[in-house]
Amino acid sequence: MLAVVRKQLKSHPALIPLLFFIGGGTTMSLMYLARLGLRNPDVCWDRKNNPEPWNKMAPTDQYKFFTVNMDYSKLKKEGPDF
């Protein structure tokens, strides 16, 4: 399979940037999915020791990937402790 790809790249060098950007996009999307699975408070991998991980988050914890004009250090807790 790799020999066929190598042969095509030698005969059509314009495919090299295309494969480069497709590989980069695939890598970035897999890294983002891994970040969602590991860092998101809605995902629970261990139900026995930590059944509700979202209750242990402080109001100053930033769990969103990107926010505009939001300073998490100045937020206060609005709900009761459970």
PDB file of N, CA and C in Angstrom:
ATOM      1  N   MET A   1       0.826  -1.190   0.000  1.00  0.00           N
ATOM      2  CA  MET A   1       0.000   0.000   0.000  1.00  0.00           C
ATOM      3  C   MET A   1       0.872   1.256   0.000  1.00  0.00           C
ATOM      4  N   LEU A   2       1.897   1.273   0.837  1.00  0.00           N
ATOM      5  CA  LEU A   2       2.781   2.436   0.878  1.00  0.00           C
ATOM      6  C   LEU A   2       3.579   2.581  -0.413  1.00  0.00           C
ATOM      7  N   ALA A   3       3.838   1.460  -1.060  1.00  0.00           N
ATOM      8  CA  ALA A   3       4.570   1.524  -2.329  1.00  0.00           C
ATOM      9  C   ALA A   3       3.720   2.201  -3.400  1.00  0.00           C
ATOM     10  N   VAL A   4       2.421   1.967  -3.376  1.00  0.00           N
ATOM     11  CA  VAL A   4       1.522   2.599  -4.339  1.00  0.00           C
ATOM     12  C   VAL A   4       1.450   4.099  -4.080  1.00  0.00           C
ATOM     13  N   VAL A   5       1.379   4.494  -2.816  1.00  0.00           N
ATOM     14  CA  VAL A   5       1.332   5.914  -2.467  1.00  0.00           C
ATOM     15  C   VAL A   5       2.634   6.587  -2.865  1.00  0.00           C
ATOM     16  N   ARG A   6       3.760   5.944  -2.609  1.00  0.00           N
ATOM     17  CA  ARG A   6       5.068   6.505  -2.983  1.00  0.00           C
ATOM     18  C   ARG A   6       5.178   6.664  -4.499  1.00  0.00           C
ATOM     19  N   LYS A   7       4.669   5.691  -5.240  1.00  0.00           N
ATOM     20  CA  LYS A   7       4.714   5.771  -6.701  1.00  0.00           C
ATOM     21  C   LYS A   7       3.850   6.931  -7.204  1.00  0.00           C
ATOM     22  N   GLN A   8       2.676   7.117  -6.603  1.00  0.00           N
ATOM     23  CA  GLN A   8       1.802   8.212  -7.001  1.00  0.00           C
ATOM     24  C   GLN A   8       2.422   9.566  -6.660  1.00  0.00           C
ATOM     25  N   LEU A   9       3.080   9.649  -5.511  1.00  0.00           N
ATOM     26  CA  LEU A   9       3.717  10.914  -5.137  1.00  0.00           C
ATOM     27  C   LEU A   9       4.884  11.263  -6.051  1.00  0.00           C
ATOM     28  N   LYS A  10       5.603  10.243  -6.520  1.00  0.00           N
ATOM     29  CA  LYS A  10       6.710  10.509  -7.453  1.00  0.00           C
ATOM     30  C   LYS A  10       6.192  10.974  -8.805  1.00  0.00           C
ATOM     31  N   SER A  11       5.070  10.411  -9.234  1.00  0.00           N
ATOM     32  CA  SER A  11       4.561  10.799 -10.545  1.00  0.00           C
ATOM     33  C   SER A  11       3.707  12.063 -10.493  1.00  0.00           C
ATOM     34  N   HIS A  12       3.128  12.372  -9.334  1.00  0.00           N
ATOM     35  CA  HIS A  12       2.302  13.576  -9.170  1.00  0.00           C
ATOM     36  C   HIS A  12       2.756  14.333  -7.920  1.00  0.00           C
ATOM     37  N   PRO A  13       3.791  15.160  -8.013  1.00  0.00           N
ATOM     38  CA  PRO A  13       4.313  15.841  -6.820  1.00  0.00           C
ATOM     39  C   PRO A  13       3.352  16.892  -6.237  1.00  0.00           C
ATOM     40  N   ALA A  14       2.320  17.263  -6.961  1.00  0.00           N
ATOM     41  CA  ALA A  14       1.353  18.229  -6.437  1.00  0.00           C
ATOM     42  C   ALA A  14       0.488  17.618  -5.327  1.00  0.00           C
ATOM     43  N   LEU A  15       0.538  16.304  -5.162  1.00  0.00           N
ATOM     44  CA  LEU A  15      -0.237  15.649  -4.105  1.00  0.00           C
ATOM     45  C   LEU A  15       0.423  15.756  -2.733  1.00  0.00           C
ATOM     46  N   ILE A  16       1.687  16.113  -2.678  1.00  0.00           N
ATOM     47  CA  ILE A  16       2.417  16.175  -1.407  1.00  0.00           C
ATOM     48  C   ILE A  16       1.809  17.193  -0.450  1.00  0.00           C
ATOM     49  N   PRO A  17       1.509  18.448  -0.871  1.00  0.00           N
ATOM     50  CA  PRO A  17       0.873  19.381   0.077  1.00  0.00           C
ATOM     51  C   PRO A  17      -0.515  18.919   0.516  1.00  0.00           C
ATOM     52  N   LEU A  18      -1.240  18.281  -0.400  1.00  0.00           N
ATOM     53  CA  LEU A  18      -2.569  17.783  -0.050  1.00  0.00           C
ATOM     54  C   LEU A  18      -2.483  16.741   1.065  1.00  0.00           C
ATOM     55  N   LEU A  19      -1.588  15.790   0.919  1.00  0.00           N
ATOM     56  CA  LEU A  19      -1.428  14.756   1.950  1.00  0.00           C
ATOM     57  C   LEU A  19      -0.889  15.358   3.248  1.00  0.00           C
ATOM     58  N   PHE A  20      -0.047  16.363   3.135  1.00  0.00           N
ATOM     59  CA  PHE A  20       0.489  17.021   4.324  1.00  0.00           C
ATOM     60  C   PHE A  20      -0.635  17.673   5.127  1.00  0.00           C
ATOM     61  N   PHE A  21      -1.513  18.427   4.468  1.00  0.00           N
ATOM     62  CA  PHE A  21      -2.583  19.117   5.183  1.00  0.00           C
ATOM     63  C   PHE A  21      -3.665  18.158   5.664  1.00  0.00           C
ATOM     64  N   ILE A  22      -3.940  17.107   4.935  1.00  0.00           N
ATOM     65  CA  ILE A  22      -4.904  16.105   5.398  1.00  0.00           C
ATOM     66  C   ILE A  22      -4.355  15.404   6.638  1.00  0.00           C
ATOM     67  N   GLY A  23      -3.075  15.075   6.632  1.00  0.00           N
ATOM     68  CA  GLY A  23      -2.465  14.452   7.810  1.00  0.00           C
ATOM     69  C   GLY A  23      -2.457  15.383   9.008  1.00  0.00           C
ATOM     70  N   GLY A  24      -2.164  16.681   8.776  1.00  0.00           N
ATOM     71  CA  GLY A  24      -2.185  17.649   9.880  1.00  0.00           C
ATOM     72  C   GLY A  24      -3.583  17.840  10.455  1.00  0.00           C
ATOM     73  N   GLY A  25      -4.580  17.898   9.592  1.00  0.00           N
ATOM     74  CA  GLY A  25      -5.958  18.032  10.062  1.00  0.00           C
ATOM     75  C   GLY A  25      -6.418  16.815  10.845  1.00  0.00           C
ATOM     76  N   THR A  26      -6.029  15.643  10.387  1.00  0.00           N
ATOM     77  CA  THR A  26      -6.367  14.422  11.102  1.00  0.00           C
ATOM     78  C   THR A  26      -5.704  14.393  12.474  1.00  0.00           C
ATOM     79  N   THR A  27      -4.448  14.791  12.539  1.00  0.00           N
ATOM     80  CA  THR A  27      -3.730  14.820  13.812  1.00  0.00           C
ATOM     81  C   THR A  27      -4.361  15.804  14.791  1.00  0.00           C
ATOM     82  N   MET A  28      -4.697  17.000  14.306  1.00  0.00           N
ATOM     83  CA  MET A  28      -5.308  17.999  15.194  1.00  0.00           C
ATOM     84  C   MET A  28      -6.685  17.565  15.676  1.00  0.00           C
ATOM     85  N   SER A  29      -7.465  16.928  14.813  1.00  0.00           N
ATOM     86  CA  SER A  29      -8.785  16.480  15.246  1.00  0.00           C
ATOM     87  C   SER A  29      -8.682  15.351  16.268  1.00  0.00           C
ATOM     88  N   LEU A  30      -7.724  14.452  16.105  1.00  0.00           N
ATOM     89  CA  LEU A  30      -7.535  13.388  17.092  1.00  0.00           C
ATOM     90  C   LEU A  30      -7.042  13.938  18.426  1.00  0.00           C
ATOM     91  N   MET A  31      -6.184  14.959  18.380  1.00  0.00           N
ATOM     92  CA  MET A  31      -5.717  15.579  19.626  1.00  0.00           C
ATOM     93  C   MET A  31      -6.875  16.282  20.343  1.00  0.00           C
ATOM     94  N   TYR A  32      -7.763  16.929  19.609  1.00  0.00           N
ATOM     95  CA  TYR A  32      -8.907  17.600  20.218  1.00  0.00           C
ATOM     96  C   TYR A  32      -9.876  16.582  20.826  1.00  0.00           C
ATOM     97  N   LEU A  33     -10.102  15.476  20.148  1.00  0.00           N
ATOM     98  CA  LEU A  33     -10.969  14.441  20.707  1.00  0.00           C
ATOM     99  C   LEU A  33     -10.365  13.842  21.976  1.00  0.00           C
ATOM    100  N   ALA A  34      -9.045  13.666  21.987  1.00  0.00           N
ATOM    101  CA  ALA A  34      -8.386  13.165  23.198  1.00  0.00           C
ATOM    102  C   ALA A  34      -8.522  14.174  24.331  1.00  0.00           C
ATOM    103  N   ARG A  35      -8.405  15.462  24.035  1.00  0.00           N
ATOM    104  CA  ARG A  35      -8.566  16.496  25.058  1.00  0.00           C
ATOM    105  C   ARG A  35      -9.993  16.491  25.610  1.00  0.00           C
ATOM    106  N   LEU A  36     -10.982  16.331  24.740  1.00  0.00           N
ATOM    107  CA  LEU A  36     -12.365  16.271  25.206  1.00  0.00           C
ATOM    108  C   LEU A  36     -12.591  15.065  26.105  1.00  0.00           C
ATOM    109  N   GLY A  37     -12.006  13.941  25.744  1.00  0.00           N
ATOM    110  CA  GLY A  37     -12.197  12.736  26.539  1.00  0.00           C
ATOM    111  C   GLY A  37     -11.485  12.754  27.869  1.00  0.00           C
ATOM    112  N   LEU A  38     -10.384  13.499  27.965  1.00  0.00           N
ATOM    113  CA  LEU A  38      -9.586  13.486  29.185  1.00  0.00           C
ATOM    114  C   LEU A  38      -9.817  14.692  30.085  1.00  0.00           C
ATOM    115  N   ARG A  39     -10.149  15.845  29.537  1.00  0.00           N
ATOM    116  CA  ARG A  39     -10.221  17.074  30.325  1.00  0.00           C
ATOM    117  C   ARG A  39     -11.639  17.603  30.558  1.00  0.00           C
ATOM    118  N   ASN A  40     -12.624  17.100  29.859  1.00  0.00           N
ATOM    119  CA  ASN A  40     -13.985  17.606  29.977  1.00  0.00           C
ATOM    120  C   ASN A  40     -14.625  17.084  31.260  1.00  0.00           C
ATOM    121  N   PRO A  41     -15.266  17.949  32.057  1.00  0.00           N
ATOM    122  CA  PRO A  41     -15.868  17.480  33.305  1.00  0.00           C
ATOM    123  C   PRO A  41     -17.117  16.634  33.089  1.00  0.00           C
ATOM    124  N   ASP A  42     -17.685  16.633  31.894  1.00  0.00           N
ATOM    125  CA  ASP A  42     -18.875  15.823  31.629  1.00  0.00           C
ATOM    126  C   ASP A  42     -18.554  14.363  31.372  1.00  0.00           C
ATOM    127  N   VAL A  43     -17.293  14.040  31.143  1.00  0.00           N
ATOM    128  CA  VAL A  43     -16.884  12.670  30.855  1.00  0.00           C
ATOM    129  C   VAL A  43     -16.472  11.997  32.160  1.00  0.00           C
ATOM    130  N   CYS A  44     -17.040  10.840  32.417  1.00  0.00           N
ATOM    131  CA  CYS A  44     -16.746  10.105  33.654  1.00  0.00           C
ATOM    132  C   CYS A  44     -16.165   8.743  33.285  1.00  0.00           C
ATOM    133  N   TRP A  45     -14.877   8.543  33.546  1.00  0.00           N
ATOM    134  CA  TRP A  45     -14.217   7.281  33.229  1.00  0.00           C
ATOM    135  C   TRP A  45     -14.270   6.314  34.412  1.00  0.00           C
ATOM    136  N   ASP A  46     -14.341   6.827  35.625  1.00  0.00           N
ATOM    137  CA  ASP A  46     -14.310   5.999  36.827  1.00  0.00           C
ATOM    138  C   ASP A  46     -15.571   6.275  37.639  1.00  0.00           C
ATOM    139  N   ARG A  47     -16.581   5.454  37.481  1.00  0.00           N
ATOM    140  CA  ARG A  47     -17.856   5.695  38.155  1.00  0.00           C
ATOM    141  C   ARG A  47     -17.841   5.296  39.629  1.00  0.00           C
ATOM    142  N   LYS A  48     -16.917   4.425  40.020  1.00  0.00           N
ATOM    143  CA  LYS A  48     -16.905   3.971  41.406  1.00  0.00           C
ATOM    144  C   LYS A  48     -16.294   5.009  42.339  1.00  0.00           C
ATOM    145  N   ASN A  49     -15.146   5.587  41.960  1.00  0.00           N
ATOM    146  CA  ASN A  49     -14.448   6.517  42.842  1.00  0.00           C
ATOM    147  C   ASN A  49     -14.908   7.964  42.681  1.00  0.00           C
ATOM    148  N   ASN A  50     -15.372   8.332  41.509  1.00  0.00           N
ATOM    149  CA  ASN A  50     -15.770   9.711  41.256  1.00  0.00           C
ATOM    150  C   ASN A  50     -16.996   9.711  40.331  1.00  0.00           C
ATOM    151  N   PRO A  51     -18.185   9.418  40.870  1.00  0.00           N
ATOM    152  CA  PRO A  51     -19.348   9.273  39.996  1.00  0.00           C
ATOM    153  C   PRO A  51     -19.843  10.591  39.399  1.00  0.00           C
ATOM    154  N   GLU A  52     -19.586  11.707  40.028  1.00  0.00           N
ATOM    155  CA  GLU A  52     -20.032  13.008  39.525  1.00  0.00           C
ATOM    156  C   GLU A  52     -18.867  13.995  39.527  1.00  0.00           C
ATOM    157  N   PRO A  53     -18.001  13.946  38.517  1.00  0.00           N
ATOM    158  CA  PRO A  53     -16.810  14.805  38.523  1.00  0.00           C
ATOM    159  C   PRO A  53     -17.140  16.283  38.347  1.00  0.00           C
ATOM    160  N   TRP A  54     -18.294  16.608  37.814  1.00  0.00           N
ATOM    161  CA  TRP A  54     -18.648  18.016  37.602  1.00  0.00           C
ATOM    162  C   TRP A  54     -18.958  18.722  38.911  1.00  0.00           C
ATOM    163  N   ASN A  55     -19.257  17.983  39.984  1.00  0.00           N
ATOM    164  CA  ASN A  55     -19.517  18.614  41.279  1.00  0.00           C
ATOM    165  C   ASN A  55     -18.232  19.043  41.978  1.00  0.00           C
ATOM    166  N   LYS A  56     -17.097  18.495  41.593  1.00  0.00           N
ATOM    167  CA  LYS A  56     -15.828  18.835  42.232  1.00  0.00           C
ATOM    168  C   LYS A  56     -15.094  19.967  41.530  1.00  0.00           C
ATOM    169  N   MET A  57     -15.700  20.550  40.514  1.00  0.00           N
ATOM    170  CA  MET A  57     -15.062  21.645  39.783  1.00  0.00           C
ATOM    171  C   MET A  57     -15.255  22.947  40.548  1.00  0.00           C
ATOM    172  N   ALA A  58     -14.200  23.695  40.682  1.00  0.00           N
ATOM    173  CA  ALA A  58     -14.286  25.013  41.299  1.00  0.00           C
ATOM    174  C   ALA A  58     -14.844  26.006  40.279  1.00  0.00           C
ATOM    175  N   PRO A  59     -15.443  27.105  40.739  1.00  0.00           N
ATOM    176  CA  PRO A  59     -15.972  28.064  39.764  1.00  0.00           C
ATOM    177  C   PRO A  59     -14.881  28.763  38.953  1.00  0.00           C
ATOM    178  N   THR A  60     -13.655  28.694  39.414  1.00  0.00           N
ATOM    179  CA  THR A  60     -12.566  29.350  38.669  1.00  0.00           C
ATOM    180  C   THR A  60     -11.866  28.405  37.698  1.00  0.00           C
ATOM    181  N   ASP A  61     -12.295  27.151  37.604  1.00  0.00           N
ATOM    182  CA  ASP A  61     -11.680  26.199  36.675  1.00  0.00           C
ATOM    183  C   ASP A  61     -12.142  26.484  35.258  1.00  0.00           C
ATOM    184  N   GLN A  62     -11.199  26.593  34.351  1.00  0.00           N
ATOM    185  CA  GLN A  62     -11.535  26.803  32.950  1.00  0.00           C
ATOM    186  C   GLN A  62     -11.529  25.455  32.248  1.00  0.00           C
ATOM    187  N   TYR A  63     -12.679  25.030  31.772  1.00  0.00           N
ATOM    188  CA  TYR A  63     -12.759  23.768  31.071  1.00  0.00           C
ATOM    189  C   TYR A  63     -13.155  23.942  29.612  1.00  0.00           C
ATOM    190  N   LYS A  64     -13.531  25.142  29.213  1.00  0.00           N
ATOM    191  CA  LYS A  64     -13.825  25.388  27.810  1.00  0.00           C
ATOM    192  C   LYS A  64     -12.516  25.601  27.055  1.00  0.00           C
ATOM    193  N   PHE A  65     -12.503  25.214  25.800  1.00  0.00           N
ATOM    194  CA  PHE A  65     -11.287  25.338  24.990  1.00  0.00           C
ATOM    195  C   PHE A  65     -10.989  26.790  24.661  1.00  0.00           C
ATOM    196  N   PHE A  66     -12.038  27.579  24.360  1.00  0.00           N
ATOM    197  CA  PHE A  66     -11.838  28.961  23.961  1.00  0.00           C
ATOM    198  C   PHE A  66     -13.024  29.789  24.446  1.00  0.00           C
ATOM    199  N   THR A  67     -12.757  30.872  25.166  1.00  0.00           N
ATOM    200  CA  THR A  67     -13.806  31.798  25.585  1.00  0.00           C
ATOM    201  C   THR A  67     -13.363  33.215  25.264  1.00  0.00           C
ATOM    202  N   VAL A  68     -14.336  34.049  24.948  1.00  0.00           N
ATOM    203  CA  VAL A  68     -14.055  35.433  24.597  1.00  0.00           C
ATOM    204  C   VAL A  68     -14.504  36.319  25.755  1.00  0.00           C
ATOM    205  N   ASN A  69     -13.606  37.163  26.220  1.00  0.00           N
ATOM    206  CA  ASN A  69     -13.890  38.148  27.273  1.00  0.00           C
ATOM    207  C   ASN A  69     -14.434  37.515  28.551  1.00  0.00           C
ATOM    208  N   MET A  70     -13.811  36.434  29.010  1.00  0.00           N
ATOM    209  CA  MET A  70     -14.252  35.775  30.245  1.00  0.00           C
ATOM    210  C   MET A  70     -13.035  35.573  31.131  1.00  0.00           C
ATOM    211  N   ASP A  71     -13.097  36.135  32.341  1.00  0.00           N
ATOM    212  CA  ASP A  71     -12.012  35.969  33.304  1.00  0.00           C
ATOM    213  C   ASP A  71     -12.496  34.994  34.373  1.00  0.00           C
ATOM    214  N   TYR A  72     -11.988  33.771  34.337  1.00  0.00           N
ATOM    215  CA  TYR A  72     -12.449  32.739  35.251  1.00  0.00           C
ATOM    216  C   TYR A  72     -11.991  32.968  36.682  1.00  0.00           C
ATOM    217  N   SER A  73     -10.963  33.761  36.883  1.00  0.00           N
ATOM    218  CA  SER A  73     -10.470  33.971  38.241  1.00  0.00           C
ATOM    219  C   SER A  73     -11.409  34.852  39.067  1.00  0.00           C
ATOM    220  N   LYS A  74     -12.310  35.588  38.435  1.00  0.00           N
ATOM    221  CA  LYS A  74     -13.213  36.481  39.164  1.00  0.00           C
ATOM    222  C   LYS A  74     -14.603  35.892  39.374  1.00  0.00           C
ATOM    223  N   LEU A  75     -14.833  34.659  38.954  1.00  0.00           N
ATOM    224  CA  LEU A  75     -16.151  34.048  39.121  1.00  0.00           C
ATOM    225  C   LEU A  75     -16.355  33.591  40.557  1.00  0.00           C
ATOM    226  N   LYS A  76     -17.590  33.639  41.004  1.00  0.00           N
ATOM    227  CA  LYS A  76     -17.952  33.181  42.359  1.00  0.00           C
ATOM    228  C   LYS A  76     -18.918  32.046  42.243  1.00  0.00           C
ATOM    229  N   LYS A  77     -18.967  31.233  43.267  1.00  0.00           N
ATOM    230  CA  LYS A  77     -19.868  30.078  43.285  1.00  0.00           C
ATOM    231  C   LYS A  77     -21.284  30.561  43.526  1.00  0.00           C
ATOM    232  N   GLU A  78     -22.226  30.050  42.719  1.00  0.00           N
ATOM    233  CA  GLU A  78     -23.602  30.486  42.821  1.00  0.00           C
ATOM    234  C   GLU A  78     -24.525  29.435  43.398  1.00  0.00           C
ATOM    235  N   GLY A  79     -24.064  28.212  43.535  1.00  0.00           N
ATOM    236  CA  GLY A  79     -24.942  27.141  43.979  1.00  0.00           C
ATOM    237  C   GLY A  79     -24.518  26.558  45.304  1.00  0.00           C
ATOM    238  N   PRO A  80     -25.321  25.649  45.870  1.00  0.00           N
ATOM    239  CA  PRO A  80     -24.986  25.028  47.148  1.00  0.00           C
ATOM    240  C   PRO A  80     -23.983  23.887  46.964  1.00  0.00           C
ATOM    241  N   ASP A  81     -23.359  23.476  48.062  1.00  0.00           N
ATOM    242  CA  ASP A  81     -22.469  22.322  48.068  1.00  0.00           C
ATOM    243  C   ASP A  81     -23.313  21.070  48.285  1.00  0.00           C
ATOM    244  N   PHE A  82     -22.986  20.013  47.558  1.00  0.00           N
ATOM    245  CA  PHE A  82     -23.706  18.746  47.734  1.00  0.00           C
ATOM    246  C   PHE A  82     -22.812  17.720  48.331  1.00  0.00           C
TER     247      PHE A  82
END
